[in-house]
């Protein structure tokens, strides 16, 4: 029983570690291209964006978008706004909180991008 508690504590600690594995400047790559990279390579984690007039985040699981935020916009509206912008910075941190591991995706990835 104690061993299980120790394992659970270790997993919680590992989830709290946020290590950026990729970051860069937007300009040569558009936000849509950055999103496509994480989708194509089926990445799981959090993409943080500091853009022209605000900050946002996109949460991926196996390349699918689970949630998105940009200023006060959420999900598909947030993605549409993010891909309309051109300047800023991004960083990606792998991993997912336990609460998001079973979350549903917000829609078909390509349809979301094409509607934007």
PDB file of N, CA and C in Angstrom:
ATOM      1  N   UNK A   1       0.834  -1.199   0.000  1.00  0.00           N
ATOM      2  CA  UNK A   1       0.000   0.000   0.000  1.00  0.00           C
ATOM      3  C   UNK A   1       0.882   1.267   0.000  1.00  0.00           C
ATOM      4  N   UNK A   2       1.895   1.276   0.851  1.00  0.00           N
ATOM      5  CA  UNK A   2       2.803   2.424   0.883  1.00  0.00           C
ATOM      6  C   UNK A   2       3.524   2.596  -0.440  1.00  0.00           C
ATOM      7  N   UNK A   3       3.855   1.463  -1.061  1.00  0.00           N
ATOM      8  CA  UNK A   3       4.547   1.516  -2.339  1.00  0.00           C
ATOM      9  C   UNK A   3       3.678   2.192  -3.403  1.00  0.00           C
ATOM     10  N   UNK A   4       2.367   1.895  -3.393  1.00  0.00           N
ATOM     11  CA  UNK A   4       1.454   2.534  -4.346  1.00  0.00           C
ATOM     12  C   UNK A   4       1.387   4.032  -4.114  1.00  0.00           C
ATOM     13  N   UNK A   5       1.335   4.444  -2.854  1.00  0.00           N
ATOM     14  CA  UNK A   5       1.287   5.880  -2.546  1.00  0.00           C
ATOM     15  C   UNK A   5       2.557   6.565  -3.017  1.00  0.00           C
ATOM     16  N   UNK A   6       3.702   5.929  -2.835  1.00  0.00           N
ATOM     17  CA  UNK A   6       4.974   6.501  -3.292  1.00  0.00           C
ATOM     18  C   UNK A   6       4.977   6.649  -4.808  1.00  0.00           C
ATOM     19  N   UNK A   7       4.478   5.639  -5.507  1.00  0.00           N
ATOM     20  CA  UNK A   7       4.414   5.694  -6.968  1.00  0.00           C
ATOM     21  C   UNK A   7       3.495   6.823  -7.419  1.00  0.00           C
ATOM     22  N   UNK A   8       2.334   6.958  -6.776  1.00  0.00           N
ATOM     23  CA  UNK A   8       1.399   8.037  -7.116  1.00  0.00           C
ATOM     24  C   UNK A   8       2.035   9.398  -6.885  1.00  0.00           C
ATOM     25  N   UNK A   9       2.756   9.553  -5.772  1.00  0.00           N
ATOM     26  CA  UNK A   9       3.413  10.828  -5.481  1.00  0.00           C
ATOM     27  C   UNK A   9       4.464  11.139  -6.545  1.00  0.00           C
ATOM     28  N   UNK A  10       5.239  10.119  -6.942  1.00  0.00           N
ATOM     29  CA  UNK A  10       6.265  10.314  -7.963  1.00  0.00           C
ATOM     30  C   UNK A  10       5.631  10.752  -9.275  1.00  0.00           C
ATOM     31  N   UNK A  11       4.499  10.125  -9.665  1.00  0.00           N
ATOM     32  CA  UNK A  11       3.818  10.495 -10.893  1.00  0.00           C
ATOM     33  C   UNK A  11       3.312  11.929 -10.837  1.00  0.00           C
ATOM     34  N   UNK A  12       2.779  12.340  -9.683  1.00  0.00           N
ATOM     35  CA  UNK A  12       2.307  13.719  -9.533  1.00  0.00           C
ATOM     36  C   UNK A  12       3.461  14.694  -9.675  1.00  0.00           C
ATOM     37  N   UNK A  13       4.595  14.366  -9.084  1.00  0.00           N
ATOM     38  CA  UNK A  13       5.762  15.242  -9.175  1.00  0.00           C
ATOM     39  C   UNK A  13       6.218  15.340 -10.618  1.00  0.00           C
ATOM     40  N   UNK A  14       6.256  14.204 -11.329  1.00  0.00           N
ATOM     41  CA  UNK A  14       6.678  14.224 -12.729  1.00  0.00           C
ATOM     42  C   UNK A  14       5.737  15.054 -13.575  1.00  0.00           C
ATOM     43  N   UNK A  15       4.432  15.017 -13.290  1.00  0.00           N
ATOM     44  CA  UNK A  15       3.477  15.824 -14.044  1.00  0.00           C
ATOM     45  C   UNK A  15       3.695  17.308 -13.797  1.00  0.00           C
ATOM     46  N   UNK A  16       4.161  17.671 -12.599  1.00  0.00           N
ATOM     47  CA  UNK A  16       4.369  19.072 -12.271  1.00  0.00           C
ATOM     48  C   UNK A  16       5.614  19.650 -12.952  1.00  0.00           C
ATOM     49  N   UNK A  17       6.561  18.808 -13.326  1.00  0.00           N
ATOM     50  CA  UNK A  17       7.763  19.280 -14.000  1.00  0.00           C
ATOM     51  C   UNK A  17       7.371  19.733 -15.393  1.00  0.00           C
ATOM     52  N   UNK A  18       7.640  20.970 -15.702  1.00  0.00           N
ATOM     53  CA  UNK A  18       7.329  21.468 -17.030  1.00  0.00           C
ATOM     54  C   UNK A  18       8.624  21.848 -17.717  1.00  0.00           C
ATOM     55  N   UNK A  19       9.033  21.028 -18.666  1.00  0.00           N
ATOM     56  CA  UNK A  19      10.273  21.246 -19.385  1.00  0.00           C
ATOM     57  C   UNK A  19       9.948  21.568 -20.835  1.00  0.00           C
ATOM     58  N   UNK A  20      10.303  22.758 -21.261  1.00  0.00           N
ATOM     59  CA  UNK A  20      10.077  23.166 -22.637  1.00  0.00           C
ATOM     60  C   UNK A  20      11.035  22.386 -23.531  1.00  0.00           C
ATOM     61  N   UNK A  21      10.490  21.728 -24.559  1.00  0.00           N
ATOM     62  CA  UNK A  21      11.342  20.943 -25.446  1.00  0.00           C
ATOM     63  C   UNK A  21      11.554  21.612 -26.802  1.00  0.00           C
ATOM     64  N   UNK A  22      10.687  22.540 -27.138  1.00  0.00           N
ATOM     65  CA  UNK A  22      10.874  23.287 -28.380  1.00  0.00           C
ATOM     66  C   UNK A  22      10.267  24.676 -28.191  1.00  0.00           C
ATOM     67  N   UNK A  23      10.941  25.661 -28.738  1.00  0.00           N
ATOM     68  CA  UNK A  23      10.416  27.025 -28.688  1.00  0.00           C
ATOM     69  C   UNK A  23      10.970  27.783 -29.882  1.00  0.00           C
ATOM     70  N   UNK A  24      10.330  28.885 -30.214  1.00  0.00           N
ATOM     71  CA  UNK A  24      10.821  29.658 -31.337  1.00  0.00           C
ATOM     72  C   UNK A  24      10.005  30.899 -31.595  1.00  0.00           C
ATOM     73  N   UNK A  25      10.416  31.592 -32.630  1.00  0.00           N
ATOM     74  CA  UNK A  25       9.769  32.825 -33.071  1.00  0.00           C
ATOM     75  C   UNK A  25       8.834  32.504 -34.225  1.00  0.00           C
ATOM     76  N   UNK A  26       7.676  33.085 -34.208  1.00  0.00           N
ATOM     77  CA  UNK A  26       6.784  32.990 -35.356  1.00  0.00           C
ATOM     78  C   UNK A  26       7.213  34.039 -36.370  1.00  0.00           C
ATOM     79  N   UNK A  27       6.940  33.814 -37.577  1.00  0.00           N
ATOM     80  CA  UNK A  27       7.345  34.719 -38.649  1.00  0.00           C
ATOM     81  C   UNK A  27       7.757  33.882 -39.835  1.00  0.00           C
ATOM     82  N   UNK A  28       8.808  33.076 -39.646  1.00  0.00           N
ATOM     83  CA  UNK A  28       9.204  32.138 -40.699  1.00  0.00           C
ATOM     84  C   UNK A  28       8.226  30.971 -40.751  1.00  0.00           C
ATOM     85  N   UNK A  29       7.673  30.623 -39.604  1.00  0.00           N
ATOM     86  CA  UNK A  29       6.605  29.614 -39.504  1.00  0.00           C
ATOM     87  C   UNK A  29       5.353  30.336 -39.027  1.00  0.00           C
ATOM     88  N   UNK A  30       4.234  30.044 -39.641  1.00  0.00           N
ATOM     89  CA  UNK A  30       2.973  30.638 -39.180  1.00  0.00           C
ATOM     90  C   UNK A  30       2.426  29.813 -38.021  1.00  0.00           C
ATOM     91  N   UNK A  31       1.509  30.374 -37.232  1.00  0.00           N
ATOM     92  CA  UNK A  31       0.884  29.578 -36.176  1.00  0.00           C
ATOM     93  C   UNK A  31       0.218  28.313 -36.718  1.00  0.00           C
ATOM     94  N   UNK A  32      -0.404  28.382 -37.894  1.00  0.00           N
ATOM     95  CA  UNK A  32      -1.043  27.197 -38.479  1.00  0.00           C
ATOM     96  C   UNK A  32      -0.008  26.110 -38.754  1.00  0.00           C
ATOM     97  N   UNK A  33       1.162  26.496 -39.237  1.00  0.00           N
ATOM     98  CA  UNK A  33       2.218  25.512 -39.508  1.00  0.00           C
ATOM     99  C   UNK A  33       2.727  24.877 -38.219  1.00  0.00           C
ATOM    100  N   UNK A  34       2.846  25.669 -37.176  1.00  0.00           N
ATOM    101  CA  UNK A  34       3.289  25.139 -35.883  1.00  0.00           C
ATOM    102  C   UNK A  34       2.267  24.128 -35.364  1.00  0.00           C
ATOM    103  N   UNK A  35       0.983  24.467 -35.446  1.00  0.00           N
ATOM    104  CA  UNK A  35      -0.063  23.536 -35.014  1.00  0.00           C
ATOM    105  C   UNK A  35      -0.002  22.242 -35.827  1.00  0.00           C
ATOM    106  N   UNK A  36       0.221  22.365 -37.119  1.00  0.00           N
ATOM    107  CA  UNK A  36       0.289  21.186 -37.984  1.00  0.00           C
ATOM    108  C   UNK A  36       1.463  20.283 -37.627  1.00  0.00           C
ATOM    109  N   UNK A  37       2.573  20.857 -37.238  1.00  0.00           N
ATOM    110  CA  UNK A  37       3.737  20.055 -36.834  1.00  0.00           C
ATOM    111  C   UNK A  37       3.374  19.152 -35.660  1.00  0.00           C
ATOM    112  N   UNK A  38       2.726  19.722 -34.643  1.00  0.00           N
ATOM    113  CA  UNK A  38       2.376  18.931 -33.460  1.00  0.00           C
ATOM    114  C   UNK A  38       1.279  17.912 -33.780  1.00  0.00           C
ATOM    115  N   UNK A  39       0.403  18.265 -34.710  1.00  0.00           N
ATOM    116  CA  UNK A  39      -0.630  17.326 -35.134  1.00  0.00           C
ATOM    117  C   UNK A  39      -0.008  16.155 -35.910  1.00  0.00           C
ATOM    118  N   UNK A  40       0.822  16.458 -36.903  1.00  0.00           N
ATOM    119  CA  UNK A  40       1.419  15.420 -37.748  1.00  0.00           C
ATOM    120  C   UNK A  40       2.279  14.446 -36.959  1.00  0.00           C
ATOM    121  N   UNK A  41       2.959  14.954 -35.959  1.00  0.00           N
ATOM    122  CA  UNK A  41       3.858  14.113 -35.169  1.00  0.00           C
ATOM    123  C   UNK A  41       3.183  13.557 -33.917  1.00  0.00           C
ATOM    124  N   UNK A  42       1.867  13.730 -33.830  1.00  0.00           N
ATOM    125  CA  UNK A  42       1.031  13.167 -32.770  1.00  0.00           C
ATOM    126  C   UNK A  42       1.577  13.474 -31.375  1.00  0.00           C
ATOM    127  N   UNK A  43       1.906  14.725 -31.137  1.00  0.00           N
ATOM    128  CA  UNK A  43       2.466  15.145 -29.855  1.00  0.00           C
ATOM    129  C   UNK A  43       1.390  15.340 -28.802  1.00  0.00           C
ATOM    130  N   UNK A  44       1.804  15.162 -27.568  1.00  0.00           N
ATOM    131  CA  UNK A  44       0.942  15.376 -26.406  1.00  0.00           C
ATOM    132  C   UNK A  44       1.614  16.408 -25.527  1.00  0.00           C
ATOM    133  N   UNK A  45       0.905  17.484 -25.222  1.00  0.00           N
ATOM    134  CA  UNK A  45       1.473  18.511 -24.364  1.00  0.00           C
ATOM    135  C   UNK A  45       0.793  19.848 -24.555  1.00  0.00           C
ATOM    136  N   UNK A  46       1.460  20.878 -24.059  1.00  0.00           N
ATOM    137  CA  UNK A  46       0.893  22.228 -24.046  1.00  0.00           C
ATOM    138  C   UNK A  46       1.751  23.160 -24.898  1.00  0.00           C
ATOM    139  N   UNK A  47       1.100  23.797 -25.862  1.00  0.00           N
ATOM    140  CA  UNK A  47       1.746  24.796 -26.704  1.00  0.00           C
ATOM    141  C   UNK A  47       1.351  26.167 -26.170  1.00  0.00           C
ATOM    142  N   UNK A  48       2.328  26.930 -25.706  1.00  0.00           N
ATOM    143  CA  UNK A  48       2.075  28.286 -25.218  1.00  0.00           C
ATOM    144  C   UNK A  48       2.474  29.276 -26.296  1.00  0.00           C
ATOM    145  N   UNK A  49       1.656  30.299 -26.474  1.00  0.00           N
ATOM    146  CA  UNK A  49       1.904  31.300 -27.507  1.00  0.00           C
ATOM    147  C   UNK A  49       1.825  32.694 -26.916  1.00  0.00           C
ATOM    148  N   UNK A  50       2.822  33.490 -27.217  1.00  0.00           N
ATOM    149  CA  UNK A  50       2.793  34.923 -26.894  1.00  0.00           C
ATOM    150  C   UNK A  50       2.700  35.630 -28.232  1.00  0.00           C
ATOM    151  N   UNK A  51       1.513  36.163 -28.531  1.00  0.00           N
ATOM    152  CA  UNK A  51       1.254  36.721 -29.845  1.00  0.00           C
ATOM    153  C   UNK A  51       1.080  38.227 -29.785  1.00  0.00           C
ATOM    154  N   UNK A  52       0.786  38.818 -30.927  1.00  0.00           N
ATOM    155  CA  UNK A  52       0.737  40.266 -31.093  1.00  0.00           C
ATOM    156  C   UNK A  52      -0.083  40.989 -30.034  1.00  0.00           C
ATOM    157  N   UNK A  53      -1.260  40.468 -29.726  1.00  0.00           N
ATOM    158  CA  UNK A  53      -2.113  41.197 -28.787  1.00  0.00           C
ATOM    159  C   UNK A  53      -2.613  40.316 -27.641  1.00  0.00           C
ATOM    160  N   UNK A  54      -1.827  39.310 -27.279  1.00  0.00           N
ATOM    161  CA  UNK A  54      -2.230  38.486 -26.149  1.00  0.00           C
ATOM    162  C   UNK A  54      -1.504  37.152 -26.118  1.00  0.00           C
ATOM    163  N   UNK A  55      -1.890  36.352 -25.146  1.00  0.00           N
ATOM    164  CA  UNK A  55      -1.258  35.038 -25.020  1.00  0.00           C
ATOM    165  C   UNK A  55      -2.320  33.955 -25.128  1.00  0.00           C
ATOM    166  N   UNK A  56      -1.865  32.781 -25.524  1.00  0.00           N
ATOM    167  CA  UNK A  56      -2.785  31.674 -25.684  1.00  0.00           C
ATOM    168  C   UNK A  56      -2.116  30.352 -25.394  1.00  0.00           C
ATOM    169  N   UNK A  57      -2.921  29.318 -25.413  1.00  0.00           N
ATOM    170  CA  UNK A  57      -2.387  27.977 -25.247  1.00  0.00           C
ATOM    171  C   UNK A  57      -3.262  26.995 -26.003  1.00  0.00           C
ATOM    172  N   UNK A  58      -2.613  25.940 -26.497  1.00  0.00           N
ATOM    173  CA  UNK A  58      -3.315  24.861 -27.182  1.00  0.00           C
ATOM    174  C   UNK A  58      -2.832  23.569 -26.543  1.00  0.00           C
ATOM    175  N   UNK A  59      -3.774  22.751 -26.100  1.00  0.00           N
ATOM    176  CA  UNK A  59      -3.445  21.477 -25.455  1.00  0.00           C
ATOM    177  C   UNK A  59      -3.673  20.354 -26.458  1.00  0.00           C
ATOM    178  N   UNK A  60      -2.643  19.527 -26.660  1.00  0.00           N
ATOM    179  CA  UNK A  60      -2.700  18.409 -27.595  1.00  0.00           C
ATOM    180  C   UNK A  60      -2.633  17.074 -26.854  1.00  0.00           C
ATOM    181  N   UNK A  61      -3.333  16.083 -27.392  1.00  0.00           N
ATOM    182  CA  UNK A  61      -3.142  14.682 -26.994  1.00  0.00           C
ATOM    183  C   UNK A  61      -3.059  13.878 -28.283  1.00  0.00           C
ATOM    184  N   UNK A  62      -1.922  13.241 -28.476  1.00  0.00           N
ATOM    185  CA  UNK A  62      -1.688  12.448 -29.697  1.00  0.00           C
ATOM    186  C   UNK A  62      -1.995  13.255 -30.960  1.00  0.00           C
ATOM    187  N   UNK A  63      -1.653  14.528 -30.940  1.00  0.00           N
ATOM    188  CA  UNK A  63      -1.832  15.387 -32.100  1.00  0.00           C
ATOM    189  C   UNK A  63      -3.203  16.010 -32.262  1.00  0.00           C
ATOM    190  N   UNK A  64      -4.146  15.632 -31.433  1.00  0.00           N
ATOM    191  CA  UNK A  64      -5.500  16.203 -31.503  1.00  0.00           C
ATOM    192  C   UNK A  64      -5.628  17.334 -30.480  1.00  0.00           C
ATOM    193  N   UNK A  65      -6.366  18.367 -30.812  1.00  0.00           N
ATOM    194  CA  UNK A  65      -6.541  19.506 -29.909  1.00  0.00           C
ATOM    195  C   UNK A  65      -7.643  19.196 -28.898  1.00  0.00           C
ATOM    196  N   UNK A  66      -7.272  19.251 -27.619  1.00  0.00           N
ATOM    197  CA  UNK A  66      -8.238  19.036 -26.539  1.00  0.00           C
ATOM    198  C   UNK A  66      -8.857  20.340 -26.077  1.00  0.00           C
ATOM    199  N   UNK A  67      -8.068  21.404 -26.084  1.00  0.00           N
ATOM    200  CA  UNK A  67      -8.593  22.717 -25.705  1.00  0.00           C
ATOM    201  C   UNK A  67      -7.662  23.788 -26.242  1.00  0.00           C
ATOM    202  N   UNK A  68      -8.214  24.968 -26.383  1.00  0.00           N
ATOM    203  CA  UNK A  68      -7.439  26.118 -26.842  1.00  0.00           C
ATOM    204  C   UNK A  68      -7.989  27.363 -26.172  1.00  0.00           C
ATOM    205  N   UNK A  69      -7.106  28.281 -25.878  1.00  0.00           N
ATOM    206  CA  UNK A  69      -7.481  29.563 -25.274  1.00  0.00           C
ATOM    207  C   UNK A  69      -6.641  30.661 -25.919  1.00  0.00           C
ATOM    208  N   UNK A  70      -7.282  31.775 -26.185  1.00  0.00           N
ATOM    209  CA  UNK A  70      -6.549  32.968 -26.620  1.00  0.00           C
ATOM    210  C   UNK A  70      -7.307  34.166 -26.075  1.00  0.00           C
ATOM    211  N   UNK A  71      -6.654  34.905 -25.205  1.00  0.00           N
ATOM    212  CA  UNK A  71      -7.326  35.973 -24.470  1.00  0.00           C
ATOM    213  C   UNK A  71      -8.627  35.408 -23.892  1.00  0.00           C
ATOM    214  N   UNK A  72      -9.785  35.930 -24.279  1.00  0.00           N
ATOM    215  CA  UNK A  72     -11.055  35.424 -23.731  1.00  0.00           C
ATOM    216  C   UNK A  72     -11.720  34.381 -24.629  1.00  0.00           C
ATOM    217  N   UNK A  73     -11.122  34.100 -25.777  1.00  0.00           N
ATOM    218  CA  UNK A  73     -11.692  33.121 -26.700  1.00  0.00           C
ATOM    219  C   UNK A  73     -11.333  31.706 -26.265  1.00  0.00           C
ATOM    220  N   UNK A  74     -12.206  30.754 -26.611  1.00  0.00           N
ATOM    221  CA  UNK A  74     -11.981  29.358 -26.242  1.00  0.00           C
ATOM    222  C   UNK A  74     -12.122  28.451 -27.458  1.00  0.00           C
ATOM    223  N   UNK A  75     -11.424  27.343 -27.391  1.00  0.00           N
ATOM    224  CA  UNK A  75     -11.506  26.238 -28.337  1.00  0.00           C
ATOM    225  C   UNK A  75     -11.411  26.676 -29.798  1.00  0.00           C
ATOM    226  N   UNK A  76     -12.389  26.347 -30.639  1.00  0.00           N
ATOM    227  CA  UNK A  76     -12.265  26.616 -32.070  1.00  0.00           C
ATOM    228  C   UNK A  76     -12.103  28.102 -32.374  1.00  0.00           C
ATOM    229  N   UNK A  77     -12.840  28.962 -31.666  1.00  0.00           N
ATOM    230  CA  UNK A  77     -12.692  30.410 -31.880  1.00  0.00           C
ATOM    231  C   UNK A  77     -11.276  30.865 -31.554  1.00  0.00           C
ATOM    232  N   UNK A  78     -10.707  30.297 -30.502  1.00  0.00           N
ATOM    233  CA  UNK A  78      -9.335  30.644 -30.120  1.00  0.00           C
ATOM    234  C   UNK A  78      -8.348  30.195 -31.198  1.00  0.00           C
ATOM    235  N   UNK A  79      -8.523  28.974 -31.710  1.00  0.00           N
ATOM    236  CA  UNK A  79      -7.632  28.478 -32.772  1.00  0.00           C
ATOM    237  C   UNK A  79      -7.734  29.376 -34.000  1.00  0.00           C
ATOM    238  N   UNK A  80      -8.941  29.765 -34.388  1.00  0.00           N
ATOM    239  CA  UNK A  80      -9.119  30.626 -35.562  1.00  0.00           C
ATOM    240  C   UNK A  80      -8.392  31.953 -35.387  1.00  0.00           C
ATOM    241  N   UNK A  81      -8.473  32.534 -34.205  1.00  0.00           N
ATOM    242  CA  UNK A  81      -7.776  33.797 -33.949  1.00  0.00           C
ATOM    243  C   UNK A  81      -6.264  33.584 -33.964  1.00  0.00           C
ATOM    244  N   UNK A  82      -5.797  32.522 -33.311  1.00  0.00           N
ATOM    245  CA  UNK A  82      -4.355  32.233 -33.253  1.00  0.00           C
ATOM    246  C   UNK A  82      -3.780  32.107 -34.660  1.00  0.00           C
ATOM    247  N   UNK A  83      -4.457  31.359 -35.534  1.00  0.00           N
ATOM    248  CA  UNK A  83      -3.886  31.145 -36.870  1.00  0.00           C
ATOM    249  C   UNK A  83      -3.998  32.383 -37.764  1.00  0.00           C
ATOM    250  N   UNK A  84      -4.762  33.372 -37.354  1.00  0.00           N
ATOM    251  CA  UNK A  84      -4.860  34.603 -38.138  1.00  0.00           C
ATOM    252  C   UNK A  84      -3.709  35.563 -37.848  1.00  0.00           C
ATOM    253  N   UNK A  85      -2.964  35.310 -36.784  1.00  0.00           N
ATOM    254  CA  UNK A  85      -1.874  36.196 -36.383  1.00  0.00           C
ATOM    255  C   UNK A  85      -0.549  35.727 -36.979  1.00  0.00           C
ATOM    256  N   UNK A  86       0.430  36.601 -37.015  1.00  0.00           N
ATOM    257  CA  UNK A  86       1.682  36.276 -37.698  1.00  0.00           C
ATOM    258  C   UNK A  86       2.939  36.428 -36.847  1.00  0.00           C
ATOM    259  N   UNK A  87       2.896  37.245 -35.814  1.00  0.00           N
ATOM    260  CA  UNK A  87       4.110  37.531 -35.047  1.00  0.00           C
ATOM    261  C   UNK A  87       3.965  37.054 -33.608  1.00  0.00           C
ATOM    262  N   UNK A  88       5.063  36.568 -33.060  1.00  0.00           N
ATOM    263  CA  UNK A  88       5.048  36.151 -31.670  1.00  0.00           C
ATOM    264  C   UNK A  88       6.052  35.047 -31.397  1.00  0.00           C
ATOM    265  N   UNK A  89       5.891  34.427 -30.251  1.00  0.00           N
ATOM    266  CA  UNK A  89       6.767  33.356 -29.820  1.00  0.00           C
ATOM    267  C   UNK A  89       5.925  32.166 -29.391  1.00  0.00           C
ATOM    268  N   UNK A  90       6.550  30.978 -29.440  1.00  0.00           N
ATOM    269  CA  UNK A  90       5.854  29.787 -28.980  1.00  0.00           C
ATOM    270  C   UNK A  90       6.806  28.897 -28.207  1.00  0.00           C
ATOM    271  N   UNK A  91       6.237  28.073 -27.333  1.00  0.00           N
ATOM    272  CA  UNK A  91       7.020  27.052 -26.627  1.00  0.00           C
ATOM    273  C   UNK A  91       6.107  25.856 -26.386  1.00  0.00           C
ATOM    274  N   UNK A  92       6.701  24.665 -26.426  1.00  0.00           N
ATOM    275  CA  UNK A  92       5.939  23.437 -26.250  1.00  0.00           C
ATOM    276  C   UNK A  92       6.507  22.648 -25.096  1.00  0.00           C
ATOM    277  N   UNK A  93       5.626  22.236 -24.192  1.00  0.00           N
ATOM    278  CA  UNK A  93       5.981  21.422 -23.035  1.00  0.00           C
ATOM    279  C   UNK A  93       5.238  20.093 -23.157  1.00  0.00           C
ATOM    280  N   UNK A  94       5.955  18.974 -23.189  1.00  0.00           N
ATOM    281  CA  UNK A  94       5.276  17.683 -23.325  1.00  0.00           C
ATOM    282  C   UNK A  94       4.559  17.272 -22.043  1.00  0.00           C
ATOM    283  N   UNK A  95       3.610  16.353 -22.195  1.00  0.00           N
ATOM    284  CA  UNK A  95       2.894  15.816 -21.042  1.00  0.00           C
ATOM    285  C   UNK A  95       1.512  16.409 -20.911  1.00  0.00           C
ATOM    286  N   UNK A  96       0.728  15.765 -20.063  1.00  0.00           N
ATOM    287  CA  UNK A  96      -0.660  16.140 -19.886  1.00  0.00           C
ATOM    288  C   UNK A  96      -1.054  15.906 -18.444  1.00  0.00           C
ATOM    289  N   UNK A  97      -1.850  16.800 -17.891  1.00  0.00           N
ATOM    290  CA  UNK A  97      -2.329  16.597 -16.527  1.00  0.00           C
ATOM    291  C   UNK A  97      -3.319  15.436 -16.521  1.00  0.00           C
ATOM    292  N   UNK A  98      -3.462  14.811 -15.389  1.00  0.00           N
ATOM    293  CA  UNK A  98      -4.370  13.663 -15.263  1.00  0.00           C
ATOM    294  C   UNK A  98      -5.792  14.038 -15.661  1.00  0.00           C
ATOM    295  N   UNK A  99      -6.207  15.260 -15.354  1.00  0.00           N
ATOM    296  CA  UNK A  99      -7.580  15.674 -15.652  1.00  0.00           C
ATOM    297  C   UNK A  99      -7.844  15.777 -17.154  1.00  0.00           C
ATOM    298  N   UNK A 100      -6.795  15.968 -17.962  1.00  0.00           N
ATOM    299  CA  UNK A 100      -6.990  16.106 -19.409  1.00  0.00           C
ATOM    300  C   UNK A 100      -6.776  14.808 -20.178  1.00  0.00           C
ATOM    301  N   UNK A 101      -6.276  13.784 -19.518  1.00  0.00           N
ATOM    302  CA  UNK A 101      -5.964  12.540 -20.229  1.00  0.00           C
ATOM    303  C   UNK A 101      -7.184  11.900 -20.872  1.00  0.00           C
ATOM    304  N   UNK A 102      -8.375  12.138 -20.323  1.00  0.00           N
ATOM    305  CA  UNK A 102      -9.589  11.541 -20.881  1.00  0.00           C
ATOM    306  C   UNK A 102     -10.502  12.579 -21.534  1.00  0.00           C
ATOM    307  N   UNK A 103     -10.015  13.799 -21.684  1.00  0.00           N
ATOM    308  CA  UNK A 103     -10.830  14.856 -22.286  1.00  0.00           C
ATOM    309  C   UNK A 103     -11.092  14.561 -23.759  1.00  0.00           C
ATOM    310  N   UNK A 104     -12.194  15.078 -24.257  1.00  0.00           N
ATOM    311  CA  UNK A 104     -12.547  14.894 -25.669  1.00  0.00           C
ATOM    312  C   UNK A 104     -11.890  15.981 -26.500  1.00  0.00           C
ATOM    313  N   UNK A 105     -11.561  15.649 -27.745  1.00  0.00           N
ATOM    314  CA  UNK A 105     -10.994  16.662 -28.639  1.00  0.00           C
ATOM    315  C   UNK A 105     -12.089  17.656 -29.018  1.00  0.00           C
ATOM    316  N   UNK A 106     -11.679  18.851 -29.406  1.00  0.00           N
ATOM    317  CA  UNK A 106     -12.660  19.902 -29.694  1.00  0.00           C
ATOM    318  C   UNK A 106     -13.240  19.790 -31.099  1.00  0.00           C
ATOM    319  N   UNK A 107     -12.710  18.908 -31.919  1.00  0.00           N
ATOM    320  CA  UNK A 107     -13.217  18.721 -33.280  1.00  0.00           C
ATOM    321  C   UNK A 107     -12.131  18.155 -34.169  1.00  0.00           C
ATOM    322  N   UNK A 108     -12.482  17.924 -35.419  1.00  0.00           N
ATOM    323  CA  UNK A 108     -11.522  17.416 -36.392  1.00  0.00           C
ATOM    324  C   UNK A 108     -10.459  18.480 -36.672  1.00  0.00           C
ATOM    325  N   UNK A 109      -9.206  18.103 -36.538  1.00  0.00           N
ATOM    326  CA  UNK A 109      -8.101  19.058 -36.639  1.00  0.00           C
ATOM    327  C   UNK A 109      -8.141  19.844 -37.954  1.00  0.00           C
ATOM    328  N   UNK A 110      -8.201  19.153 -39.080  1.00  0.00           N
ATOM    329  CA  UNK A 110      -8.144  19.841 -40.374  1.00  0.00           C
ATOM    330  C   UNK A 110      -9.377  20.729 -40.596  1.00  0.00           C
ATOM    331  N   UNK A 111     -10.525  20.297 -40.152  1.00  0.00           N
ATOM    332  CA  UNK A 111     -11.723  21.146 -40.292  1.00  0.00           C
ATOM    333  C   UNK A 111     -11.579  22.426 -39.495  1.00  0.00           C
ATOM    334  N   UNK A 112     -11.009  22.316 -38.309  1.00  0.00           N
ATOM    335  CA  UNK A 112     -10.801  23.512 -37.469  1.00  0.00           C
ATOM    336  C   UNK A 112      -9.884  24.483 -38.200  1.00  0.00           C
ATOM    337  N   UNK A 113      -8.765  23.964 -38.739  1.00  0.00           N
ATOM    338  CA  UNK A 113      -7.817  24.842 -39.444  1.00  0.00           C
ATOM    339  C   UNK A 113      -8.441  25.442 -40.694  1.00  0.00           C
ATOM    340  N   UNK A 114      -9.158  24.661 -41.456  1.00  0.00           N
ATOM    341  CA  UNK A 114      -9.725  25.151 -42.705  1.00  0.00           C
ATOM    342  C   UNK A 114     -10.805  26.198 -42.496  1.00  0.00           C
ATOM    343  N   UNK A 115     -11.551  26.093 -41.408  1.00  0.00           N
ATOM    344  CA  UNK A 115     -12.592  27.084 -41.111  1.00  0.00           C
ATOM    345  C   UNK A 115     -11.983  28.399 -40.640  1.00  0.00           C
ATOM    346  N   UNK A 116     -10.756  28.326 -40.126  1.00  0.00           N
ATOM    347  CA  UNK A 116     -10.078  29.529 -39.646  1.00  0.00           C
ATOM    348  C   UNK A 116      -9.607  30.335 -40.790  1.00  0.00           C
TER     349      UNK A 116
END
